[in-house]
Protein backbone atom coordinates (compact mmCIF):
# COMPACT_ATOMS: atom_id res chain seq x y z
CA MET A 1 126.48 -79.59 -93.54
CA PRO A 2 123.74 -81.05 -95.78
CA ARG A 3 122.68 -83.28 -92.91
CA GLN A 4 122.32 -80.27 -90.59
CA PHE A 5 120.17 -78.52 -93.19
CA ARG A 6 117.94 -81.57 -93.46
CA THR A 7 117.58 -81.74 -89.67
CA GLY A 8 116.64 -78.07 -89.55
CA ASP A 9 114.19 -78.49 -92.38
CA GLN A 10 112.58 -81.50 -90.71
CA THR A 11 112.25 -79.57 -87.45
CA LEU A 12 110.60 -76.63 -89.20
CA VAL A 13 108.28 -78.90 -91.16
CA ARG A 14 107.23 -80.68 -87.98
CA GLU A 15 106.55 -77.35 -86.26
CA PHE A 16 104.52 -76.25 -89.27
CA ASN A 17 102.53 -79.49 -89.19
CA ARG A 18 101.85 -79.08 -85.46
CA SER A 19 100.48 -75.64 -86.26
CA ILE A 20 98.16 -77.12 -88.88
CA ILE A 21 96.86 -79.70 -86.40
CA LEU A 22 96.31 -77.14 -83.64
CA ASN A 23 94.47 -74.75 -85.93
CA GLN A 24 92.22 -77.48 -87.30
CA LEU A 25 91.30 -78.39 -83.74
CA ARG A 26 90.73 -74.71 -82.95
CA MET A 27 88.24 -74.43 -85.80
CA GLY A 28 86.57 -77.82 -85.93
CA ALA A 29 87.07 -79.92 -82.78
CA PRO A 30 86.34 -82.53 -81.70
CA LEU A 31 88.05 -84.51 -84.45
CA SER A 32 89.60 -87.95 -84.65
CA ARG A 33 93.13 -88.59 -85.85
CA ALA A 34 91.64 -90.01 -89.05
CA ASP A 35 89.57 -86.82 -89.49
CA LEU A 36 92.73 -84.71 -89.11
CA ALA A 37 94.59 -86.82 -91.66
CA ALA A 38 91.74 -86.47 -94.16
CA ILE A 39 91.41 -82.70 -93.65
CA THR A 40 95.12 -81.86 -93.70
CA GLY A 41 96.38 -84.36 -96.24
CA LEU A 42 99.05 -85.56 -93.81
CA ASN A 43 99.49 -89.29 -93.52
CA LYS A 44 97.89 -91.04 -90.56
CA THR A 45 101.18 -92.03 -88.96
CA THR A 46 102.40 -88.42 -88.97
CA VAL A 47 99.11 -87.15 -87.56
CA SER A 48 99.13 -89.75 -84.77
CA SER A 49 102.70 -88.85 -83.85
CA LEU A 50 101.94 -85.11 -83.80
CA VAL A 51 98.76 -85.53 -81.78
CA ASP A 52 100.57 -87.75 -79.26
CA GLU A 53 103.25 -85.05 -78.86
CA LEU A 54 100.63 -82.37 -78.31
CA ILE A 55 98.82 -84.53 -75.76
CA ALA A 56 102.10 -85.18 -73.94
CA HIS A 57 102.66 -81.41 -73.70
CA ASN A 58 99.06 -80.85 -72.53
CA PHE A 59 97.96 -78.75 -75.52
CA VAL A 60 95.50 -81.40 -76.75
CA ARG A 61 93.32 -83.89 -74.88
CA GLU A 62 91.26 -86.96 -75.75
CA ILE A 63 87.57 -86.63 -74.90
CA GLY A 64 85.86 -89.88 -75.85
CA TYR A 65 84.81 -91.89 -78.88
CA ASN A 66 82.89 -91.31 -82.07
CA ALA A 67 80.92 -94.41 -82.98
CA SER A 68 78.51 -92.75 -85.42
CA GLY A 69 80.34 -93.95 -88.54
CA GLY A 70 80.08 -97.65 -87.64
CA GLY A 71 83.01 -99.96 -87.17
CA ARG A 72 85.66 -99.40 -84.53
CA PRO A 73 85.00 -96.19 -82.53
CA ALA A 74 87.50 -93.40 -83.15
CA VAL A 75 89.07 -91.46 -80.29
CA LEU A 76 88.18 -87.75 -80.49
CA VAL A 77 90.60 -84.98 -79.57
CA GLU A 78 90.31 -81.24 -78.95
CA LEU A 79 92.35 -78.31 -77.68
CA ASN A 80 92.84 -78.68 -73.95
CA PRO A 81 91.40 -75.62 -72.18
CA GLU A 82 93.63 -76.47 -69.21
CA ALA A 83 96.81 -76.29 -71.33
CA GLY A 84 97.49 -72.97 -69.65
CA CYS A 85 96.09 -69.51 -69.04
CA ILE A 86 96.49 -66.31 -71.03
CA ILE A 87 96.40 -62.68 -69.94
CA GLY A 88 94.87 -60.10 -72.25
CA ILE A 89 95.16 -56.38 -71.53
CA GLU A 90 93.63 -53.41 -73.31
CA PHE A 91 95.51 -50.19 -72.63
CA GLY A 92 92.74 -47.76 -73.47
CA VAL A 93 92.29 -44.01 -73.17
CA GLY A 94 91.40 -43.54 -69.51
CA TYR A 95 91.19 -47.20 -68.53
CA LEU A 96 93.09 -50.49 -68.32
CA ASN A 97 91.04 -53.60 -69.08
CA ALA A 98 92.38 -57.05 -68.17
CA VAL A 99 91.11 -60.61 -68.62
CA LEU A 100 92.46 -64.02 -67.71
CA THR A 101 91.39 -66.82 -70.05
CA ASP A 102 91.99 -70.52 -70.51
CA PHE A 103 93.69 -71.91 -73.61
CA ARG A 104 90.39 -71.81 -75.53
CA ALA A 105 89.97 -68.10 -74.70
CA ALA A 106 87.10 -68.54 -72.23
CA ILE A 107 87.26 -65.66 -69.73
CA ARG A 108 87.90 -66.86 -66.16
CA TRP A 109 88.55 -63.50 -64.45
CA ARG A 110 88.43 -59.83 -65.40
CA ARG A 111 89.13 -56.39 -63.99
CA GLN A 112 88.99 -52.80 -65.27
CA VAL A 113 91.00 -49.96 -63.73
CA PRO A 114 90.26 -46.34 -64.66
CA PHE A 115 92.84 -43.58 -64.85
CA ASP A 116 92.76 -39.89 -65.69
CA VAL A 117 94.33 -39.10 -69.06
CA SER A 118 96.01 -36.10 -67.44
CA GLU A 119 97.86 -38.35 -64.97
CA ASP A 120 101.62 -38.60 -65.10
CA GLN A 121 102.83 -41.32 -67.45
CA HIS A 122 104.84 -43.05 -64.71
CA ARG A 123 101.80 -43.25 -62.44
CA VAL A 124 99.72 -44.83 -65.18
CA MET A 125 102.44 -47.36 -65.97
CA ASN A 126 102.61 -48.21 -62.27
CA ARG A 127 98.86 -48.85 -62.38
CA LEU A 128 99.45 -51.20 -65.31
CA ILE A 129 102.19 -53.02 -63.42
CA ALA A 130 99.96 -53.38 -60.35
CA LEU A 131 97.10 -54.71 -62.48
CA LEU A 132 99.37 -57.21 -64.22
CA ARG A 133 100.65 -58.41 -60.82
CA GLN A 134 97.06 -58.97 -59.77
CA VAL A 135 96.27 -61.02 -62.89
CA VAL A 136 99.45 -63.06 -62.50
CA ARG A 137 98.37 -63.92 -58.96
CA GLN A 138 95.00 -65.03 -60.30
CA SER A 139 96.73 -67.17 -62.93
CA ARG A 140 98.62 -69.05 -60.22
CA ARG A 141 95.33 -70.02 -58.59
CA THR A 142 94.31 -71.88 -61.75
CA GLY A 143 97.05 -74.44 -61.21
CA THR A 144 98.06 -74.19 -64.88
CA ARG A 145 101.04 -72.54 -66.56
CA LEU A 146 100.89 -68.92 -67.67
CA LEU A 147 101.43 -68.98 -71.42
CA GLY A 148 101.86 -65.26 -71.99
CA THR A 149 100.45 -61.75 -71.86
CA GLY A 150 99.14 -59.81 -74.85
CA ILE A 151 98.65 -56.04 -74.68
CA SER A 152 96.69 -53.94 -77.16
CA LEU A 153 97.79 -50.30 -77.25
CA THR A 154 96.10 -47.25 -78.69
CA GLY A 155 97.92 -45.27 -81.39
CA LEU A 156 101.08 -46.05 -83.33
CA VAL A 157 102.93 -49.12 -82.08
CA ASP A 158 106.35 -50.46 -83.04
CA VAL A 159 105.67 -54.17 -82.65
CA ALA A 160 109.31 -55.27 -82.92
CA SER A 161 110.37 -53.25 -79.87
CA GLY A 162 107.01 -53.22 -78.09
CA THR A 163 107.01 -49.41 -78.03
CA GLN A 164 104.01 -47.10 -78.07
CA VAL A 165 105.39 -44.63 -80.58
CA PHE A 166 102.58 -42.09 -80.50
CA ALA A 167 99.21 -42.14 -78.72
CA PRO A 168 97.40 -38.93 -79.78
CA ASN A 169 94.57 -39.28 -77.29
CA LEU A 170 97.01 -39.71 -74.40
CA GLY A 171 99.69 -37.33 -75.64
CA TRP A 172 102.32 -40.05 -75.14
CA ARG A 173 105.38 -40.66 -77.30
CA ASN A 174 107.99 -43.43 -77.39
CA VAL A 175 106.91 -45.39 -74.31
CA PRO A 176 108.81 -48.74 -74.20
CA VAL A 177 105.85 -50.69 -72.81
CA ARG A 178 107.16 -54.22 -73.30
CA GLN A 179 110.63 -53.32 -72.01
CA LEU A 180 109.19 -51.78 -68.83
CA LEU A 181 106.97 -54.80 -68.17
CA SER A 182 109.57 -57.43 -69.08
CA ALA A 183 111.84 -55.97 -66.39
CA LYS A 184 109.14 -56.79 -63.81
CA PHE A 185 107.61 -60.04 -65.08
CA ASP A 186 109.16 -63.29 -66.23
CA VAL A 187 106.48 -64.06 -68.80
CA PRO A 188 106.37 -63.60 -72.59
CA ILE A 189 104.76 -60.25 -73.41
CA PHE A 190 103.34 -59.39 -76.84
CA VAL A 191 102.27 -55.92 -77.91
CA ASP A 192 100.38 -54.51 -80.90
CA ASN A 193 98.04 -51.72 -81.93
CA ASP A 194 94.53 -52.21 -80.54
CA ALA A 195 92.78 -52.44 -83.91
CA ASN A 196 95.26 -54.99 -85.24
CA ALA A 197 94.91 -57.05 -82.08
CA ALA A 198 91.11 -56.86 -82.26
CA ALA A 199 91.19 -57.92 -85.92
CA LEU A 200 93.32 -60.90 -84.90
CA ALA A 201 90.75 -61.80 -82.22
CA GLU A 202 87.99 -61.65 -84.81
CA ARG A 203 90.09 -63.83 -87.13
CA TYR A 204 90.99 -66.43 -84.49
CA LEU A 205 87.96 -66.42 -82.21
CA GLY A 206 85.13 -64.30 -83.59
CA ALA A 207 82.93 -63.64 -86.58
CA ALA A 208 85.67 -63.71 -89.24
CA GLN A 209 87.23 -67.13 -88.64
CA SER A 210 86.67 -68.25 -92.21
CA VAL A 211 87.16 -64.83 -93.84
CA ASP A 212 90.45 -64.07 -95.62
CA ASN A 213 89.76 -60.44 -96.55
CA PHE A 214 88.13 -58.16 -94.02
CA VAL A 215 88.51 -54.87 -92.20
CA TYR A 216 87.99 -54.49 -88.48
CA VAL A 217 86.89 -51.05 -87.23
CA THR A 218 87.34 -50.25 -83.54
CA GLY A 219 85.32 -47.33 -82.20
CA ASN A 220 86.47 -46.15 -78.80
CA VAL A 221 87.66 -42.66 -77.85
CA GLY A 222 89.40 -42.84 -81.21
CA ILE A 223 88.89 -44.94 -84.32
CA GLY A 224 91.37 -47.39 -85.81
CA ILE A 225 91.20 -50.23 -88.29
CA GLY A 226 92.84 -53.62 -88.63
CA ILE A 227 93.24 -54.77 -92.23
CA VAL A 228 93.29 -58.49 -93.05
CA ILE A 229 94.36 -59.40 -96.59
CA GLY A 230 94.73 -63.02 -97.63
CA GLY A 231 94.27 -64.09 -94.02
CA HIS A 232 97.13 -61.91 -92.73
CA ILE A 233 97.26 -58.58 -90.93
CA PHE A 234 98.52 -55.85 -93.27
CA GLN A 235 101.04 -53.69 -91.40
CA GLY A 236 102.35 -51.37 -94.12
CA ALA A 237 105.93 -50.30 -94.81
CA SER A 238 106.62 -49.07 -91.28
CA GLY A 239 104.09 -51.15 -89.37
CA TYR A 240 101.60 -48.31 -88.95
CA ALA A 241 98.89 -49.17 -91.48
CA GLY A 242 95.33 -48.76 -90.25
CA GLU A 243 95.28 -45.19 -88.91
CA ALA A 244 92.04 -44.54 -90.78
CA GLY A 245 90.71 -42.58 -87.82
CA HIS A 246 93.08 -39.80 -88.84
CA THR A 247 91.95 -39.57 -92.44
CA THR A 248 90.21 -36.26 -93.19
CA LEU A 249 86.44 -36.17 -93.75
CA ASP A 250 85.90 -32.44 -93.19
CA LEU A 251 88.58 -29.89 -94.12
CA ASN A 252 87.05 -27.35 -91.74
CA GLY A 253 86.10 -29.85 -89.05
CA PRO A 254 87.01 -29.85 -85.34
CA LEU A 255 90.62 -30.07 -84.21
CA CYS A 256 91.82 -33.61 -83.57
CA MET A 257 94.35 -34.68 -80.94
CA CYS A 258 96.69 -35.63 -83.78
CA GLY A 259 96.88 -31.95 -84.81
CA ASN A 260 94.74 -32.29 -87.94
CA HIS A 261 91.21 -30.97 -88.49
CA GLY A 262 88.14 -32.97 -89.40
CA CYS A 263 89.54 -36.47 -88.78
CA TRP A 264 87.12 -39.39 -89.05
CA GLU A 265 87.48 -40.15 -85.34
CA ARG A 266 86.57 -36.58 -84.40
CA LEU A 267 83.27 -37.06 -86.23
CA ALA A 268 82.36 -40.71 -85.62
CA SER A 269 83.95 -41.96 -82.38
CA GLN A 270 82.66 -42.53 -78.86
CA ARG A 271 84.01 -39.07 -77.95
CA ALA A 272 82.19 -37.49 -80.91
CA LEU A 273 78.87 -39.05 -79.87
CA ILE A 274 79.18 -37.89 -76.27
CA GLU A 275 80.25 -34.38 -77.34
CA ARG A 276 77.13 -34.06 -79.52
CA VAL A 277 74.91 -34.83 -76.55
CA GLN A 278 76.90 -32.49 -74.29
CA GLN A 279 76.60 -29.65 -76.80
CA ALA A 280 72.85 -30.11 -77.18
CA ILE A 281 72.39 -30.00 -73.39
CA GLN A 282 74.59 -26.90 -73.12
CA GLU A 283 72.40 -25.25 -75.76
CA GLY A 284 69.38 -25.82 -73.53
CA GLN A 285 67.83 -28.87 -75.16
CA ARG A 286 66.05 -31.16 -72.71
CA SER A 287 67.35 -34.73 -72.46
CA SER A 288 66.97 -37.60 -70.04
CA VAL A 289 70.71 -38.14 -70.47
CA HIS A 290 71.30 -35.02 -68.38
CA THR A 291 69.03 -36.40 -65.66
CA MET A 292 70.89 -39.72 -65.61
CA ALA A 293 74.38 -38.20 -65.65
CA LYS A 294 73.67 -35.11 -63.50
CA ASP A 295 77.07 -33.83 -64.70
CA SER A 296 77.66 -33.63 -68.46
CA ASP A 297 81.24 -34.83 -67.93
CA ARG A 298 79.84 -38.15 -66.71
CA ILE A 299 77.77 -38.99 -69.77
CA THR A 300 78.35 -42.53 -71.06
CA ILE A 301 77.34 -44.45 -74.17
CA GLN A 302 75.12 -46.67 -72.04
CA MET A 303 73.18 -43.59 -70.85
CA ILE A 304 72.76 -42.35 -74.42
CA VAL A 305 71.49 -45.76 -75.57
CA GLU A 306 69.05 -45.98 -72.66
CA ALA A 307 67.74 -42.50 -73.45
CA ALA A 308 67.40 -43.35 -77.14
CA ARG A 309 65.37 -46.44 -76.27
CA GLY A 310 63.02 -44.12 -74.43
CA GLY A 311 62.64 -41.90 -77.51
CA ASP A 312 64.94 -39.09 -76.32
CA ASP A 313 65.37 -36.66 -79.26
CA VAL A 314 68.84 -35.45 -78.25
CA ALA A 315 70.18 -38.99 -77.97
CA LEU A 316 68.54 -40.13 -81.21
CA HIS A 317 69.85 -37.13 -83.16
CA ALA A 318 73.40 -37.58 -81.81
CA LEU A 319 73.35 -41.29 -82.66
CA GLY A 320 72.02 -40.56 -86.14
CA GLU A 321 74.73 -37.99 -86.91
CA THR A 322 77.47 -40.22 -85.50
CA GLY A 323 76.16 -43.18 -87.49
CA THR A 324 76.19 -41.11 -90.66
CA TYR A 325 79.87 -40.23 -90.32
CA LEU A 326 80.68 -43.79 -89.27
CA GLY A 327 78.93 -45.02 -92.41
CA VAL A 328 80.83 -42.59 -94.65
CA GLY A 329 84.13 -43.89 -93.32
CA ILE A 330 83.08 -47.51 -93.72
CA ALA A 331 81.87 -46.84 -97.26
CA ASN A 332 85.33 -45.44 -98.02
CA LEU A 333 86.94 -48.60 -96.62
CA ILE A 334 84.68 -50.76 -98.77
CA ASN A 335 85.63 -48.79 -101.88
CA ILE A 336 89.36 -48.97 -101.07
CA PHE A 337 89.77 -52.57 -99.86
CA ASN A 338 86.82 -54.48 -101.36
CA PRO A 339 86.60 -56.69 -98.23
CA SER A 340 84.22 -59.58 -97.68
CA VAL A 341 83.40 -58.27 -94.21
CA VAL A 342 83.68 -55.04 -92.26
CA ALA A 343 83.43 -55.86 -88.55
CA PHE A 344 82.65 -53.01 -86.17
CA GLY A 345 83.57 -53.24 -82.47
CA GLY A 346 84.79 -51.28 -79.48
CA ALA A 347 82.79 -49.27 -76.95
CA LEU A 348 80.81 -47.51 -79.69
CA SER A 349 79.34 -50.85 -80.79
CA LEU A 350 77.27 -50.85 -77.57
CA ALA A 351 75.00 -48.50 -79.55
CA GLU A 352 74.77 -50.85 -82.54
CA GLU A 353 70.97 -51.02 -82.54
CA PHE A 354 70.87 -47.30 -83.43
CA LEU A 355 74.12 -46.93 -85.36
CA MET A 356 74.05 -49.94 -87.66
CA PRO A 357 70.80 -49.13 -89.54
CA VAL A 358 72.22 -45.68 -90.31
CA VAL A 359 75.60 -47.14 -91.30
CA GLN A 360 73.91 -49.67 -93.61
CA GLN A 361 71.90 -46.92 -95.31
CA VAL A 362 74.92 -44.67 -95.80
CA VAL A 363 76.96 -47.58 -97.18
CA LEU A 364 74.13 -48.33 -99.60
CA GLU A 365 74.16 -44.71 -100.78
CA ARG A 366 77.91 -44.05 -100.89
CA ALA A 367 79.83 -47.29 -101.52
CA MET A 368 80.24 -48.37 -105.13
CA ALA A 369 77.87 -51.16 -106.12
CA GLY A 370 80.52 -53.77 -106.98
CA PRO A 371 82.50 -53.76 -103.74
CA ARG A 372 79.40 -52.97 -101.68
CA GLU A 373 77.56 -56.06 -102.89
CA ALA A 374 80.54 -58.23 -101.91
CA THR A 375 80.72 -56.81 -98.37
CA GLN A 376 78.82 -57.70 -95.24
CA VAL A 377 78.93 -55.05 -92.49
CA ILE A 378 78.60 -56.72 -89.08
CA THR A 379 79.14 -56.07 -85.39
CA SER A 380 82.18 -57.69 -83.79
CA ALA A 381 81.57 -60.91 -81.89
CA PHE A 382 83.27 -59.26 -78.90
CA LYS A 383 81.83 -55.72 -79.15
CA SER A 384 83.43 -53.64 -76.37
CA ASP A 385 85.69 -56.58 -75.40
CA ALA A 386 87.28 -56.74 -78.85
CA CYS A 387 90.58 -55.06 -77.93
CA VAL A 388 91.13 -56.92 -74.67
CA MET A 389 90.39 -60.22 -76.46
CA GLY A 390 92.87 -58.99 -79.06
CA GLY A 391 95.51 -59.20 -76.35
CA VAL A 392 94.54 -62.85 -75.77
CA ALA A 393 94.68 -63.46 -79.54
CA LEU A 394 98.26 -62.13 -79.72
CA VAL A 395 99.38 -64.90 -77.36
CA LEU A 396 97.25 -67.58 -78.99
CA HIS A 397 98.69 -66.66 -82.37
CA GLU A 398 102.24 -67.21 -81.17
CA ILE A 399 101.40 -70.65 -79.81
CA LEU A 400 99.20 -71.84 -82.65
CA SER A 401 101.46 -70.61 -85.44
CA ARG A 402 104.82 -71.56 -83.88
CA PRO A 403 104.24 -74.51 -81.53
CA ASN A 404 107.80 -75.24 -80.41
CA LEU A 405 107.28 -77.88 -77.73
CA ASN A 406 110.67 -77.24 -76.16
CA SER A 407 109.38 -73.80 -75.23
CA SER A 408 105.67 -73.00 -75.26
CA LEU A 409 106.43 -69.54 -76.61
CA PRO A 410 109.39 -67.99 -78.41
CA SER A 411 111.62 -65.80 -76.28
CA ARG A 412 111.01 -62.68 -78.35
CA GLN A 413 108.03 -61.37 -80.23
CA SER A 414 107.62 -62.16 -83.88
CA ARG A 415 105.10 -60.43 -86.05
CA VAL A 416 101.70 -61.70 -86.87
CA PRO A 417 102.02 -63.00 -90.47
CA VAL A 418 101.85 -59.84 -92.53
CA LEU A 419 101.80 -58.60 -96.07
CA GLN A 420 104.58 -56.03 -96.15
CA ALA A 421 104.37 -52.99 -98.38
CA SER A 422 108.15 -53.09 -98.66
CA ALA A 423 110.91 -55.56 -97.87
CA GLN A 424 112.24 -53.50 -94.94
CA ARG A 425 110.37 -51.80 -92.12
CA SER A 426 111.88 -48.71 -90.59
CA GLY A 427 112.95 -48.67 -86.95
CA HIS A 428 111.57 -46.23 -84.38
């Protein structure tokens, strides 16, 4: 028995060391084997053995020599973009957004499919299945293996079962998304809340790669946050941490889809911005947005931004009010979490040039000096692509944190490393 334990321990240690090597190459490639040994503290023989394994399994490739240090040139290695392809899907409110990337998360193909939020749930899921079939076909044309599919879902998500527990803006409850897709596709499928997935993308690929404590804010039809503490996503006791969009800012505010009044997302989201412009037009105020849209139901953020750039008063006022409420919520997050960074993404970030100055001013006025001075408020590296790239990050995380070379991905989903609020998480 002791020998079996040692074998298991050695296997786990080797897997852990592979993860270290892969993540160093993700952050700092190209590097030589000697560079990796110096950075990681692993001995050179171990590093050479690990790198050779990763090359043999196509995850790493040699790309030439580094002769700048004098002496014998060192062979440089990096993550191999042709190691395989990854599918990322954002299941939004009224649309499905899909990308196909290489192993270094460069987008090779993309497609967006709209749907009406009033459509039958089965019809929408069939649209998702059809879209996924289309992306899988595209993946075959790359000539590389399909490493997995990551899906970011709006609302409350039970990660362990891959279930969308409650999506207020769709009116959906207890949809077994991963189970339905796994019955159709022989590929690993990973599912999480959209804000958590987007935070993971920012951590792995975006503006927060070296930041251990930050909050990601996604502003789409709703608002959600992903909380990173000590480098790990914070999930909470039941896995539902981050529903800041449903915290109350106005006791007598408008009714939210969650059933509450005055939620942050009802005052500061993409929907809130568009509703402000619609209301102003209905009240008889003149706006070039109305001319562009022709029908107030077709107003988009892009139209509002274009109008604001032309000095349109309705657009500027709506952006200012939305930015104020967005700033209040972000100031609250700064006071609560004391993060190094608050990253703002999602569709609403397309209006960053008008929103961010207002947000910065409100944060200056309302966040406490100590935490405020330690926080940088920035726009996501991916902006409106943050959630779909979050799907890609879900797959990358599984490979980079658990590189079992006998199987490129584990057969079932494990959580992103988390800080649990309690030892057990409830089932749903």
